[in-house]
PDB file of N, CA and C in Angstrom:
ATOM      1  N   MET A   1      77.350-162.091  -6.356  1.00  0.00           N
ATOM      2  CA  MET A   1      76.622-161.289  -5.493  1.00  0.00           C
ATOM      3  C   MET A   1      75.186-161.483  -5.850  1.00  0.00           C
ATOM      4  N   ASP A   2      74.455-161.518  -4.706  1.00  0.00           N
ATOM      5  CA  ASP A   2      73.201-161.817  -4.692  1.00  0.00           C
ATOM      6  C   ASP A   2      72.559-160.442  -4.953  1.00  0.00           C
ATOM      7  N   VAL A   3      71.415-160.505  -5.950  1.00  0.00           N
ATOM      8  CA  VAL A   3      70.643-159.415  -6.148  1.00  0.00           C
ATOM      9  C   VAL A   3      69.204-159.492  -5.476  1.00  0.00           C
ATOM     10  N   SER A   4      68.782-158.482  -4.909  1.00  0.00           N
ATOM     11  CA  SER A   4      67.604-158.281  -3.888  1.00  0.00           C
ATOM     12  C   SER A   4      66.350-158.626  -4.911  1.00  0.00           C
ATOM     13  N   PHE A   5      65.264-159.158  -4.419  1.00  0.00           N
ATOM     14  CA  PHE A   5      64.044-159.255  -5.260  1.00  0.00           C
ATOM     15  C   PHE A   5      63.730-157.657  -5.574  1.00  0.00           C
ATOM     16  N   HIS A   6      64.040-156.856  -4.923  1.00  0.00           N
ATOM     17  CA  HIS A   6      63.653-155.334  -5.313  1.00  0.00           C
ATOM     18  C   HIS A   6      64.308-155.111  -6.671  1.00  0.00           C
ATOM     19  N   ASP A   7      65.566-155.451  -6.412  1.00  0.00           N
ATOM     20  CA  ASP A   7      66.297-155.113  -7.858  1.00  0.00           C
ATOM     21  C   ASP A   7      66.173-155.993  -9.262  1.00  0.00           C
ATOM     22  N   GLN A   8      65.741-157.182  -8.807  1.00  0.00           N
ATOM     23  CA  GLN A   8      65.197-157.801  -9.840  1.00  0.00           C
ATOM     24  C   GLN A   8      64.139-157.418 -10.460  1.00  0.00           C
ATOM     25  N   VAL A   9      63.295-156.843  -9.862  1.00  0.00           N
ATOM     26  CA  VAL A   9      61.929-156.328 -10.500  1.00  0.00           C
ATOM     27  C   VAL A   9      62.009-155.146 -11.036  1.00  0.00           C
ATOM     28  N   LYS A  10      63.144-154.027 -10.644  1.00  0.00           N
ATOM     29  CA  LYS A  10      63.459-153.109 -11.226  1.00  0.00           C
ATOM     30  C   LYS A  10      64.181-153.525 -12.682  1.00  0.00           C
ATOM     31  N   ARG A  11      65.019-154.396 -12.662  1.00  0.00           N
ATOM     32  CA  ARG A  11      65.494-154.586 -13.777  1.00  0.00           C
ATOM     33  C   ARG A  11      64.737-155.377 -14.760  1.00  0.00           C
ATOM     34  N   GLN A  12      63.743-155.880 -14.343  1.00  0.00           N
ATOM     35  CA  GLN A  12      62.796-156.698 -15.487  1.00  0.00           C
ATOM     36  C   GLN A  12      61.882-155.511 -15.858  1.00  0.00           C
ATOM     37  N   ILE A  13      61.388-154.450 -15.047  1.00  0.00           N
ATOM     38  CA  ILE A  13      60.741-153.413 -15.553  1.00  0.00           C
ATOM     39  C   ILE A  13      61.743-152.514 -16.583  1.00  0.00           C
ATOM     40  N   LEU A  14      62.946-152.519 -16.497  1.00  0.00           N
ATOM     41  CA  LEU A  14      63.986-151.851 -17.457  1.00  0.00           C
ATOM     42  C   LEU A  14      63.788-152.660 -18.683  1.00  0.00           C
ATOM     43  N   GLN A  15      64.012-153.790 -18.468  1.00  0.00           N
ATOM     44  CA  GLN A  15      64.271-154.724 -19.807  1.00  0.00           C
ATOM     45  C   GLN A  15      63.377-154.774 -20.725  1.00  0.00           C
ATOM     46  N   VAL A  16      62.141-154.744 -19.900  1.00  0.00           N
ATOM     47  CA  VAL A  16      60.899-154.738 -20.953  1.00  0.00           C
ATOM     48  C   VAL A  16      60.567-153.332 -21.533  1.00  0.00           C
ATOM     49  N   CYS A  17      60.848-152.367 -20.750  1.00  0.00           N
ATOM     50  CA  CYS A  17      60.817-150.995 -21.364  1.00  0.00           C
ATOM     51  C   CYS A  17      61.671-150.552 -22.600  1.00  0.00           C
ATOM     52  N   ASN A  18      62.870-151.187 -22.332  1.00  0.00           N
ATOM     53  CA  ASN A  18      64.000-151.252 -23.424  1.00  0.00           C
ATOM     54  C   ASN A  18      63.565-151.739 -24.432  1.00  0.00           C
ATOM     55  N   ALA A  19      63.155-153.232 -24.177  1.00  0.00           N
ATOM     56  CA  ALA A  19      62.745-153.926 -25.576  1.00  0.00           C
ATOM     57  C   ALA A  19      61.787-153.497 -26.087  1.00  0.00           C
ATOM     58  N   LEU A  20      60.887-152.461 -25.632  1.00  0.00           N
ATOM     59  CA  LEU A  20      59.674-151.747 -26.346  1.00  0.00           C
ATOM     60  C   LEU A  20      60.266-150.471 -26.789  1.00  0.00           C
ATOM     61  N   GLY A  21      61.422-150.199 -26.603  1.00  0.00           N
ATOM     62  CA  GLY A  21      61.993-149.066 -27.046  1.00  0.00           C
ATOM     63  C   GLY A  21      61.657-147.690 -26.450  1.00  0.00           C
ATOM     64  N   LEU A  22      61.338-147.980 -25.247  1.00  0.00           N
ATOM     65  CA  LEU A  22      60.785-146.598 -24.458  1.00  0.00           C
ATOM     66  C   LEU A  22      62.185-146.168 -23.450  1.00  0.00           C
ATOM     67  N   GLN A  23      62.177-145.031 -23.197  1.00  0.00           N
ATOM     68  CA  GLN A  23      63.029-144.519 -22.376  1.00  0.00           C
ATOM     69  C   GLN A  23      62.831-144.818 -20.932  1.00  0.00           C
ATOM     70  N   ALA A  24      63.588-145.490 -20.269  1.00  0.00           N
ATOM     71  CA  ALA A  24      63.510-145.904 -18.985  1.00  0.00           C
ATOM     72  C   ALA A  24      65.053-145.589 -18.102  1.00  0.00           C
ATOM     73  N   LYS A  25      64.543-145.223 -16.859  1.00  0.00           N
ATOM     74  CA  LYS A  25      65.887-144.628 -15.897  1.00  0.00           C
ATOM     75  C   LYS A  25      65.564-145.186 -14.786  1.00  0.00           C
ATOM     76  N   GLU A  26      66.573-145.939 -13.971  1.00  0.00           N
ATOM     77  CA  GLU A  26      66.723-146.445 -12.715  1.00  0.00           C
ATOM     78  C   GLU A  26      66.877-145.302 -11.656  1.00  0.00           C
ATOM     79  N   GLU A  27      66.196-145.622 -10.653  1.00  0.00           N
ATOM     80  CA  GLU A  27      66.391-144.522  -9.422  1.00  0.00           C
ATOM     81  C   GLU A  27      66.494-143.198  -9.871  1.00  0.00           C
ATOM     82  N   TYR A  28      65.570-142.720 -10.467  1.00  0.00           N
ATOM     83  CA  TYR A  28      65.439-141.308 -11.057  1.00  0.00           C
ATOM     84  C   TYR A  28      64.883-140.435  -9.871  1.00  0.00           C
ATOM     85  N   ARG A  29      65.541-139.436  -9.692  1.00  0.00           N
ATOM     86  CA  ARG A  29      65.386-138.511  -8.778  1.00  0.00           C
ATOM     87  C   ARG A  29      64.816-137.058  -9.163  1.00  0.00           C
ATOM     88  N   GLY A  30      63.419-136.810  -8.698  1.00  0.00           N
ATOM     89  CA  GLY A  30      63.018-135.239  -8.942  1.00  0.00           C
ATOM     90  C   GLY A  30      62.955-134.509  -7.815  1.00  0.00           C
ATOM     91  N   TYR A  31      62.277-133.390  -7.851  1.00  0.00           N
ATOM     92  CA  TYR A  31      62.364-132.534  -6.609  1.00  0.00           C
ATOM     93  C   TYR A  31      61.357-133.062  -5.573  1.00  0.00           C
ATOM     94  N   GLY A  32      61.990-133.555  -4.276  1.00  0.00           N
ATOM     95  CA  GLY A  32      61.283-134.266  -3.422  1.00  0.00           C
ATOM     96  C   GLY A  32      60.855-135.666  -3.530  1.00  0.00           C
ATOM     97  N   TRP A  33      61.182-136.122  -4.765  1.00  0.00           N
ATOM     98  CA  TRP A  33      61.022-137.689  -5.015  1.00  0.00           C
ATOM     99  C   TRP A  33      61.761-138.171  -5.756  1.00  0.00           C
ATOM    100  N   ARG A  34      61.680-139.891  -5.549  1.00  0.00           N
ATOM    101  CA  ARG A  34      62.807-140.791  -6.148  1.00  0.00           C
ATOM    102  C   ARG A  34      61.623-141.836  -6.724  1.00  0.00           C
ATOM    103  N   ALA A  35      61.675-142.271  -8.089  1.00  0.00           N
ATOM    104  CA  ALA A  35      61.271-143.281  -8.721  1.00  0.00           C
ATOM    105  C   ALA A  35      62.165-144.575  -8.790  1.00  0.00           C
ATOM    106  N   ASP A  36      61.599-145.669  -8.189  1.00  0.00           N
ATOM    107  CA  ASP A  36      62.722-146.667  -8.583  1.00  0.00           C
ATOM    108  C   ASP A  36      62.845-147.070 -10.293  1.00  0.00           C
ATOM    109  N   VAL A  37      62.002-146.599 -11.208  1.00  0.00           N
ATOM    110  CA  VAL A  37      62.180-146.624 -12.573  1.00  0.00           C
ATOM    111  C   VAL A  37      61.011-145.396 -12.971  1.00  0.00           C
ATOM    112  N   LEU A  38      61.620-144.663 -13.809  1.00  0.00           N
ATOM    113  CA  LEU A  38      60.985-143.538 -14.481  1.00  0.00           C
ATOM    114  C   LEU A  38      60.943-144.097 -15.890  1.00  0.00           C
ATOM    115  N   VAL A  39      59.634-144.257 -16.489  1.00  0.00           N
ATOM    116  CA  VAL A  39      59.446-144.229 -17.930  1.00  0.00           C
ATOM    117  C   VAL A  39      58.602-143.514 -18.634  1.00  0.00           C
ATOM    118  N   ILE A  40      59.270-142.940 -19.875  1.00  0.00           N
ATOM    119  CA  ILE A  40      58.513-141.740 -20.827  1.00  0.00           C
ATOM    120  C   ILE A  40      58.055-142.700 -21.916  1.00  0.00           C
ATOM    121  N   ALA A  41      56.499-142.729 -22.140  1.00  0.00           N
ATOM    122  CA  ALA A  41      56.151-143.027 -23.279  1.00  0.00           C
ATOM    123  C   ALA A  41      55.394-142.155 -23.695  1.00  0.00           C
ATOM    124  N   ASN A  42      55.123-142.011 -25.022  1.00  0.00           N
ATOM    125  CA  ASN A  42      54.014-141.046 -25.618  1.00  0.00           C
ATOM    126  C   ASN A  42      53.877-139.726 -24.873  1.00  0.00           C
ATOM    127  N   ASP A  43      55.029-139.158 -24.622  1.00  0.00           N
ATOM    128  CA  ASP A  43      55.051-137.871 -23.734  1.00  0.00           C
ATOM    129  C   ASP A  43      54.518-137.836 -22.424  1.00  0.00           C
ATOM    130  N   LYS A  44      53.998-139.328 -21.671  1.00  0.00           N
ATOM    131  CA  LYS A  44      53.878-139.295 -20.453  1.00  0.00           C
ATOM    132  C   LYS A  44      54.948-139.869 -19.461  1.00  0.00           C
ATOM    133  N   LYS A  45      54.893-139.581 -18.321  1.00  0.00           N
ATOM    134  CA  LYS A  45      55.949-140.082 -17.482  1.00  0.00           C
ATOM    135  C   LYS A  45      55.226-140.880 -16.497  1.00  0.00           C
ATOM    136  N   PHE A  46      55.876-142.219 -16.289  1.00  0.00           N
ATOM    137  CA  PHE A  46      55.160-143.052 -15.506  1.00  0.00           C
ATOM    138  C   PHE A  46      56.356-143.573 -14.335  1.00  0.00           C
ATOM    139  N   ALA A  47      56.122-143.313 -12.936  1.00  0.00           N
ATOM    140  CA  ALA A  47      57.052-143.585 -12.108  1.00  0.00           C
ATOM    141  C   ALA A  47      56.645-144.734 -11.416  1.00  0.00           C
ATOM    142  N   PHE A  48      57.447-145.963 -11.801  1.00  0.00           N
ATOM    143  CA  PHE A  48      57.266-147.179 -11.234  1.00  0.00           C
ATOM    144  C   PHE A  48      57.836-147.311  -9.584  1.00  0.00           C
ATOM    145  N   GLU A  49      57.144-147.692  -8.727  1.00  0.00           N
ATOM    146  CA  GLU A  49      57.499-148.073  -7.353  1.00  0.00           C
ATOM    147  C   GLU A  49      57.562-149.565  -6.912  1.00  0.00           C
ATOM    148  N   VAL A  50      58.627-150.090  -6.821  1.00  0.00           N
ATOM    149  CA  VAL A  50      58.502-151.494  -6.358  1.00  0.00           C
ATOM    150  C   VAL A  50      58.631-151.529  -4.943  1.00  0.00           C
ATOM    151  N   GLN A  51      57.343-151.557  -4.043  1.00  0.00           N
ATOM    152  CA  GLN A  51      57.417-151.554  -2.769  1.00  0.00           C
ATOM    153  C   GLN A  51      57.310-152.907  -2.099  1.00  0.00           C
ATOM    154  N   ILE A  52      58.510-153.481  -1.497  1.00  0.00           N
ATOM    155  CA  ILE A  52      58.780-154.800  -0.955  1.00  0.00           C
ATOM    156  C   ILE A  52      58.269-154.432   0.456  1.00  0.00           C
ATOM    157  N   THR A  53      58.823-153.444   0.997  1.00  0.00           N
ATOM    158  CA  THR A  53      58.716-153.523   2.525  1.00  0.00           C
ATOM    159  C   THR A  53      57.192-152.831   2.775  1.00  0.00           C
ATOM    160  N   GLN A  54      56.654-152.933   3.885  1.00  0.00           N
ATOM    161  CA  GLN A  54      55.311-152.747   4.235  1.00  0.00           C
ATOM    162  C   GLN A  54      55.399-151.099   4.248  1.00  0.00           C
ATOM    163  N   GLN A  55      54.286-150.401   4.056  1.00  0.00           N
ATOM    164  CA  GLN A  55      54.007-149.108   3.648  1.00  0.00           C
ATOM    165  C   GLN A  55      52.643-148.707   3.932  1.00  0.00           C
ATOM    166  N   THR A  56      52.423-147.847   4.871  1.00  0.00           N
ATOM    167  CA  THR A  56      50.721-147.440   5.032  1.00  0.00           C
ATOM    168  C   THR A  56      50.250-146.827   3.867  1.00  0.00           C
ATOM    169  N   LEU A  57      48.940-146.877   3.887  1.00  0.00           N
ATOM    170  CA  LEU A  57      48.130-146.438   2.804  1.00  0.00           C
ATOM    171  C   LEU A  57      48.388-144.742   2.864  1.00  0.00           C
ATOM    172  N   LEU A  58      48.408-144.281   4.057  1.00  0.00           N
ATOM    173  CA  LEU A  58      48.564-142.659   4.264  1.00  0.00           C
ATOM    174  C   LEU A  58      49.935-142.377   3.507  1.00  0.00           C
ATOM    175  N   ARG A  59      51.121-143.100   3.798  1.00  0.00           N
ATOM    176  CA  ARG A  59      52.603-142.651   3.205  1.00  0.00           C
ATOM    177  C   ARG A  59      52.376-143.098   1.510  1.00  0.00           C
ATOM    178  N   THR A  60      51.514-144.030   1.129  1.00  0.00           N
ATOM    179  CA  THR A  60      51.672-144.113  -0.361  1.00  0.00           C
ATOM    180  C   THR A  60      50.936-143.048  -1.092  1.00  0.00           C
ATOM    181  N   LEU A  61      49.862-142.828  -0.256  1.00  0.00           N
ATOM    182  CA  LEU A  61      48.883-141.321  -0.909  1.00  0.00           C
ATOM    183  C   LEU A  61      49.906-140.245  -0.943  1.00  0.00           C
ATOM    184  N   GLU A  62      50.552-140.132   0.201  1.00  0.00           N
ATOM    185  CA  GLU A  62      51.603-138.858   0.267  1.00  0.00           C
ATOM    186  C   GLU A  62      52.594-138.955  -0.970  1.00  0.00           C
ATOM    187  N   ARG A  63      53.369-140.296  -1.168  1.00  0.00           N
ATOM    188  CA  ARG A  63      54.283-140.305  -2.074  1.00  0.00           C
ATOM    189  C   ARG A  63      53.637-140.023  -3.608  1.00  0.00           C
ATOM    190  N   GLN A  64      52.432-140.601  -3.872  1.00  0.00           N
ATOM    191  CA  GLN A  64      51.750-140.539  -4.981  1.00  0.00           C
ATOM    192  C   GLN A  64      51.233-139.209  -5.337  1.00  0.00           C
ATOM    193  N   GLU A  65      51.043-138.464  -4.211  1.00  0.00           N
ATOM    194  CA  GLU A  65      50.527-136.820  -4.506  1.00  0.00           C
ATOM    195  C   GLU A  65      51.838-136.123  -4.968  1.00  0.00           C
ATOM    196  N   LYS A  66      52.846-136.421  -4.711  1.00  0.00           N
ATOM    197  CA  LYS A  66      53.965-135.912  -5.561  1.00  0.00           C
ATOM    198  C   LYS A  66      54.084-135.902  -7.021  1.00  0.00           C
ATOM    199  N   TYR A  67      53.812-137.627  -7.375  1.00  0.00           N
ATOM    200  CA  TYR A  67      53.918-137.661  -8.724  1.00  0.00           C
ATOM    201  C   TYR A  67      52.815-136.968  -9.286  1.00  0.00           C
ATOM    202  N   ASN A  68      51.554-137.082  -8.727  1.00  0.00           N
ATOM    203  CA  ASN A  68      50.291-136.239  -9.374  1.00  0.00           C
ATOM    204  C   ASN A  68      50.681-134.732  -9.537  1.00  0.00           C
ATOM    205  N   LYS A  69      51.589-134.075  -8.674  1.00  0.00           N
ATOM    206  CA  LYS A  69      51.868-132.547  -8.790  1.00  0.00           C
ATOM    207  C   LYS A  69      52.640-132.485  -9.741  1.00  0.00           C
ATOM    208  N   GLU A  70      53.468-133.584 -10.480  1.00  0.00           N
ATOM    209  CA  GLU A  70      54.338-133.266 -11.675  1.00  0.00           C
ATOM    210  C   GLU A  70      53.657-134.093 -12.841  1.00  0.00           C
ATOM    211  N   ASN A  71      52.399-134.256 -12.920  1.00  0.00           N
ATOM    212  CA  ASN A  71      51.691-134.692 -13.807  1.00  0.00           C
ATOM    213  C   ASN A  71      52.205-136.154 -14.232  1.00  0.00           C
ATOM    214  N   MET A  72      52.690-137.028 -13.350  1.00  0.00           N
ATOM    215  CA  MET A  72      53.273-138.315 -13.515  1.00  0.00           C
ATOM    216  C   MET A  72      52.034-139.302 -13.182  1.00  0.00           C
ATOM    217  N   ILE A  73      52.279-140.440 -13.938  1.00  0.00           N
ATOM    218  CA  ILE A  73      51.454-141.331 -13.159  1.00  0.00           C
ATOM    219  C   ILE A  73      52.266-142.271 -12.427  1.00  0.00           C
ATOM    220  N   GLY A  74      51.733-142.774 -10.994  1.00  0.00           N
ATOM    221  CA  GLY A  74      52.484-143.575 -10.407  1.00  0.00           C
ATOM    222  C   GLY A  74      51.904-145.035 -10.418  1.00  0.00           C
ATOM    223  N   CYS A  75      52.866-145.962 -10.789  1.00  0.00           N
ATOM    224  CA  CYS A  75      52.708-147.255 -10.715  1.00  0.00           C
ATOM    225  C   CYS A  75      53.302-148.071  -9.772  1.00  0.00           C
ATOM    226  N   TRP A  76      52.590-148.401  -8.800  1.00  0.00           N
ATOM    227  CA  TRP A  76      53.034-149.242  -7.763  1.00  0.00           C
ATOM    228  C   TRP A  76      52.678-150.753  -7.695  1.00  0.00           C
ATOM    229  N   LEU A  77      53.889-151.369  -7.380  1.00  0.00           N
ATOM    230  CA  LEU A  77      53.904-152.872  -7.215  1.00  0.00           C
ATOM    231  C   LEU A  77      54.259-153.235  -5.958  1.00  0.00           C
ATOM    232  N   PHE A  78      53.370-153.876  -5.238  1.00  0.00           N
ATOM    233  CA  PHE A  78      53.281-154.150  -4.023  1.00  0.00           C
ATOM    234  C   PHE A  78      53.760-155.659  -3.751  1.00  0.00           C
ATOM    235  N   ARG A  79      54.410-155.932  -2.511  1.00  0.00           N
ATOM    236  CA  ARG A  79      54.781-157.315  -2.340  1.00  0.00           C
ATOM    237  C   ARG A  79      53.558-157.907  -1.573  1.00  0.00           C
ATOM    238  N   LEU A  80      52.817-159.168  -1.887  1.00  0.00           N
ATOM    239  CA  LEU A  80      52.019-159.669  -0.982  1.00  0.00           C
ATOM    240  C   LEU A  80      52.486-160.741  -0.079  1.00  0.00           C
ATOM    241  N   GLU A  81      52.102-160.513   1.021  1.00  0.00           N
ATOM    242  CA  GLU A  81      52.727-160.890   2.157  1.00  0.00           C
ATOM    243  C   GLU A  81      52.044-162.169   2.491  1.00  0.00           C
ATOM    244  N   ARG A  82      52.769-163.341   2.539  1.00  0.00           N
ATOM    245  CA  ARG A  82      51.996-164.524   2.998  1.00  0.00           C
ATOM    246  C   ARG A  82      52.145-165.240   4.299  1.00  0.00           C
ATOM    247  N   SER A  83      50.918-165.792   4.635  1.00  0.00           N
ATOM    248  CA  SER A  83      50.585-166.205   6.151  1.00  0.00           C
ATOM    249  C   SER A  83      51.434-167.608   5.990  1.00  0.00           C
ATOM    250  N   GLY A  84      51.899-167.757   6.968  1.00  0.00           N
ATOM    251  CA  GLY A  84      52.525-169.151   7.121  1.00  0.00           C
ATOM    252  C   GLY A  84      52.799-169.579   8.790  1.00  0.00           C
ATOM    253  N   ALA A  85      53.311-170.723   9.213  1.00  0.00           N
ATOM    254  CA  ALA A  85      53.821-170.762  10.280  1.00  0.00           C
ATOM    255  C   ALA A  85      54.907-169.751  11.059  1.00  0.00           C
ATOM    256  N   ASP A  86      55.793-169.354  10.290  1.00  0.00           N
ATOM    257  CA  ASP A  86      56.651-168.403  10.477  1.00  0.00           C
ATOM    258  C   ASP A  86      56.075-166.585  10.316  1.00  0.00           C
ATOM    259  N   GLY A  87      54.728-166.671  10.034  1.00  0.00           N
ATOM    260  CA  GLY A  87      54.241-165.353   9.841  1.00  0.00           C
ATOM    261  C   GLY A  87      54.350-164.731   8.442  1.00  0.00           C
ATOM    262  N   GLY A  88      54.994-165.201   7.728  1.00  0.00           N
ATOM    263  CA  GLY A  88      55.204-165.015   6.229  1.00  0.00           C
ATOM    264  C   GLY A  88      56.599-165.528   5.461  1.00  0.00           C
ATOM    265  N   GLY A  89      56.891-164.879   4.478  1.00  0.00           N
ATOM    266  CA  GLY A  89      57.988-165.369   3.794  1.00  0.00           C
ATOM    267  C   GLY A  89      57.512-166.359   2.784  1.00  0.00           C
ATOM    268  N   ASP A  90      58.690-166.675   1.846  1.00  0.00           N
ATOM    269  CA  ASP A  90      58.554-167.591   0.681  1.00  0.00           C
ATOM    270  C   ASP A  90      58.186-169.052   1.289  1.00  0.00           C
ATOM    271  N   ARG A  91      57.261-169.709   0.571  1.00  0.00           N
ATOM    272  CA  ARG A  91      56.900-171.152   0.733  1.00  0.00           C
ATOM    273  C   ARG A  91      57.418-171.943  -0.502  1.00  0.00           C
ATOM    274  N   CYS A  92      58.066-172.891  -0.144  1.00  0.00           N
ATOM    275  CA  CYS A  92      58.616-173.813  -1.570  1.00  0.00           C
ATOM    276  C   CYS A  92      59.325-172.974  -2.652  1.00  0.00           C
ATOM    277  N   GLY A  93      60.006-172.319  -2.106  1.00  0.00           N
ATOM    278  CA  GLY A  93      60.628-171.319  -3.219  1.00  0.00           C
ATOM    279  C   GLY A  93      59.953-170.758  -4.073  1.00  0.00           C
ATOM    280  N   GLU A  94      58.496-170.137  -3.838  1.00  0.00           N
ATOM    281  CA  GLU A  94      58.073-169.251  -4.663  1.00  0.00           C
ATOM    282  C   GLU A  94      58.144-167.929  -4.675  1.00  0.00           C
ATOM    283  N   GLU A  95      58.009-167.295  -5.739  1.00  0.00           N
ATOM    284  CA  GLU A  95      58.497-165.946  -5.431  1.00  0.00           C
ATOM    285  C   GLU A  95      57.342-165.082  -4.998  1.00  0.00           C
ATOM    286  N   PRO A  96      57.744-163.897  -4.166  1.00  0.00           N
ATOM    287  CA  PRO A  96      56.735-163.034  -3.734  1.00  0.00           C
ATOM    288  C   PRO A  96      55.852-162.516  -4.778  1.00  0.00           C
ATOM    289  N   GLN A  97      54.565-162.276  -4.650  1.00  0.00           N
ATOM    290  CA  GLN A  97      53.584-161.716  -5.611  1.00  0.00           C
ATOM    291  C   GLN A  97      53.025-160.326  -5.426  1.00  0.00           C
ATOM    292  N   ALA A  98      52.464-160.186  -6.413  1.00  0.00           N
ATOM    293  CA  ALA A  98      52.234-158.207  -6.382  1.00  0.00           C
ATOM    294  C   ALA A  98      50.920-158.353  -6.043  1.00  0.00           C
ATOM    295  N   ALA A  99      50.421-157.418  -5.155  1.00  0.00           N
ATOM    296  CA  ALA A  99      48.790-157.378  -4.675  1.00  0.00           C
ATOM    297  C   ALA A  99      48.536-155.969  -4.273  1.00  0.00           C
ATOM    298  N   PRO A 100      47.272-155.608  -4.721  1.00  0.00           N
ATOM    299  CA  PRO A 100      46.846-154.131  -4.674  1.00  0.00           C
ATOM    300  C   PRO A 100      46.887-154.118  -2.979  1.00  0.00           C
ATOM    301  N   VAL A 101      47.319-152.839  -2.477  1.00  0.00           N
ATOM    302  CA  VAL A 101      47.002-152.671  -1.307  1.00  0.00           C
ATOM    303  C   VAL A 101      45.781-151.604  -0.966  1.00  0.00           C
ATOM    304  N   LEU A 102      45.417-151.167  -2.020  1.00  0.00           N
ATOM    305  CA  LEU A 102      44.169-150.065  -1.994  1.00  0.00           C
ATOM    306  C   LEU A 102      43.163-150.693  -1.910  1.00  0.00           C
ATOM    307  N   THR A 103      42.587-151.674  -1.263  1.00  0.00           N
ATOM    308  CA  THR A 103      41.345-152.461  -1.429  1.00  0.00           C
ATOM    309  C   THR A 103      40.502-151.672  -0.270  1.00  0.00           C
ATOM    310  N   GLY A 104      39.182-151.996  -0.789  1.00  0.00           N
ATOM    311  CA  GLY A 104      38.003-151.301  -0.260  1.00  0.00           C
ATOM    312  C   GLY A 104      37.736-150.107  -0.773  1.00  0.00           C
ATOM    313  N   LYS A 105      38.520-149.444  -1.651  1.00  0.00           N
ATOM    314  CA  LYS A 105      37.930-148.423  -2.272  1.00  0.00           C
ATOM    315  C   LYS A 105      38.546-148.304  -3.803  1.00  0.00           C
ATOM    316  N   ARG A 106      37.701-147.596  -4.362  1.00  0.00           N
ATOM    317  CA  ARG A 106      37.921-147.448  -5.740  1.00  0.00           C
ATOM    318  C   ARG A 106      38.884-146.515  -6.460  1.00  0.00           C
ATOM    319  N   TYR A 107      40.084-147.097  -6.964  1.00  0.00           N
ATOM    320  CA  TYR A 107      40.835-146.221  -7.390  1.00  0.00           C
ATOM    321  C   TYR A 107      41.292-146.652  -8.773  1.00  0.00           C
ATOM    322  N   PRO A 108      41.127-145.521  -9.797  1.00  0.00           N
ATOM    323  CA  PRO A 108      41.183-145.987 -11.300  1.00  0.00           C
ATOM    324  C   PRO A 108      42.532-146.590 -11.488  1.00  0.00           C
ATOM    325  N   PRO A 109      42.417-147.776 -12.081  1.00  0.00           N
ATOM    326  CA  PRO A 109      43.965-148.562 -12.345  1.00  0.00           C
ATOM    327  C   PRO A 109      44.271-147.703 -14.007  1.00  0.00           C
ATOM    328  N   TYR A 110      45.518-147.488 -13.826  1.00  0.00           N
ATOM    329  CA  TYR A 110      46.253-147.248 -15.223  1.00  0.00           C
ATOM    330  C   TYR A 110      46.787-148.118 -16.317  1.00  0.00           C
ATOM    331  N   GLU A 111      46.563-148.243 -17.306  1.00  0.00           N
ATOM    332  CA  GLU A 111      47.160-149.135 -18.250  1.00  0.00           C
ATOM    333  C   GLU A 111      48.341-148.215 -19.187  1.00  0.00           C
ATOM    334  N   LEU A 112      49.291-149.099 -19.381  1.00  0.00           N
ATOM    335  CA  LEU A 112      50.453-148.327 -20.316  1.00  0.00           C
ATOM    336  C   LEU A 112      50.301-149.175 -21.613  1.00  0.00           C
ATOM    337  N   HIS A 113      49.544-148.197 -22.705  1.00  0.00           N
ATOM    338  CA  HIS A 113      49.275-148.701 -23.880  1.00  0.00           C
ATOM    339  C   HIS A 113      50.655-148.302 -24.812  1.00  0.00           C
ATOM    340  N   ILE A 114      51.316-148.847 -25.518  1.00  0.00           N
ATOM    341  CA  ILE A 114      52.356-148.621 -26.424  1.00  0.00           C
ATOM    342  C   ILE A 114      51.706-148.461 -27.889  1.00  0.00           C
TER     343      ILE A 114
END
């Protein structure tokens, strides 16, 4: 069975967190939200979102606000769309890359320190 790129990234997040001894849960649901991976570290909650499909800035901010209301840190991983003859997709078997979507404005980055 083929595993989607989205699921591969989620599994990598889970593997790294487990290797670090952190509590991590896949597809964790809260009230009105669902995180691809929820990580608890040093009494802080981190909601990892692996956003492979396109999503507007407004929708991202709406979803982020749900995490903010629960004192959680949203960690967004976006897929970088490539330009090419077919308008996108992988070239030469390269894996998709993560890239910030919130360009042009200053949003504070978060770092997970263990």
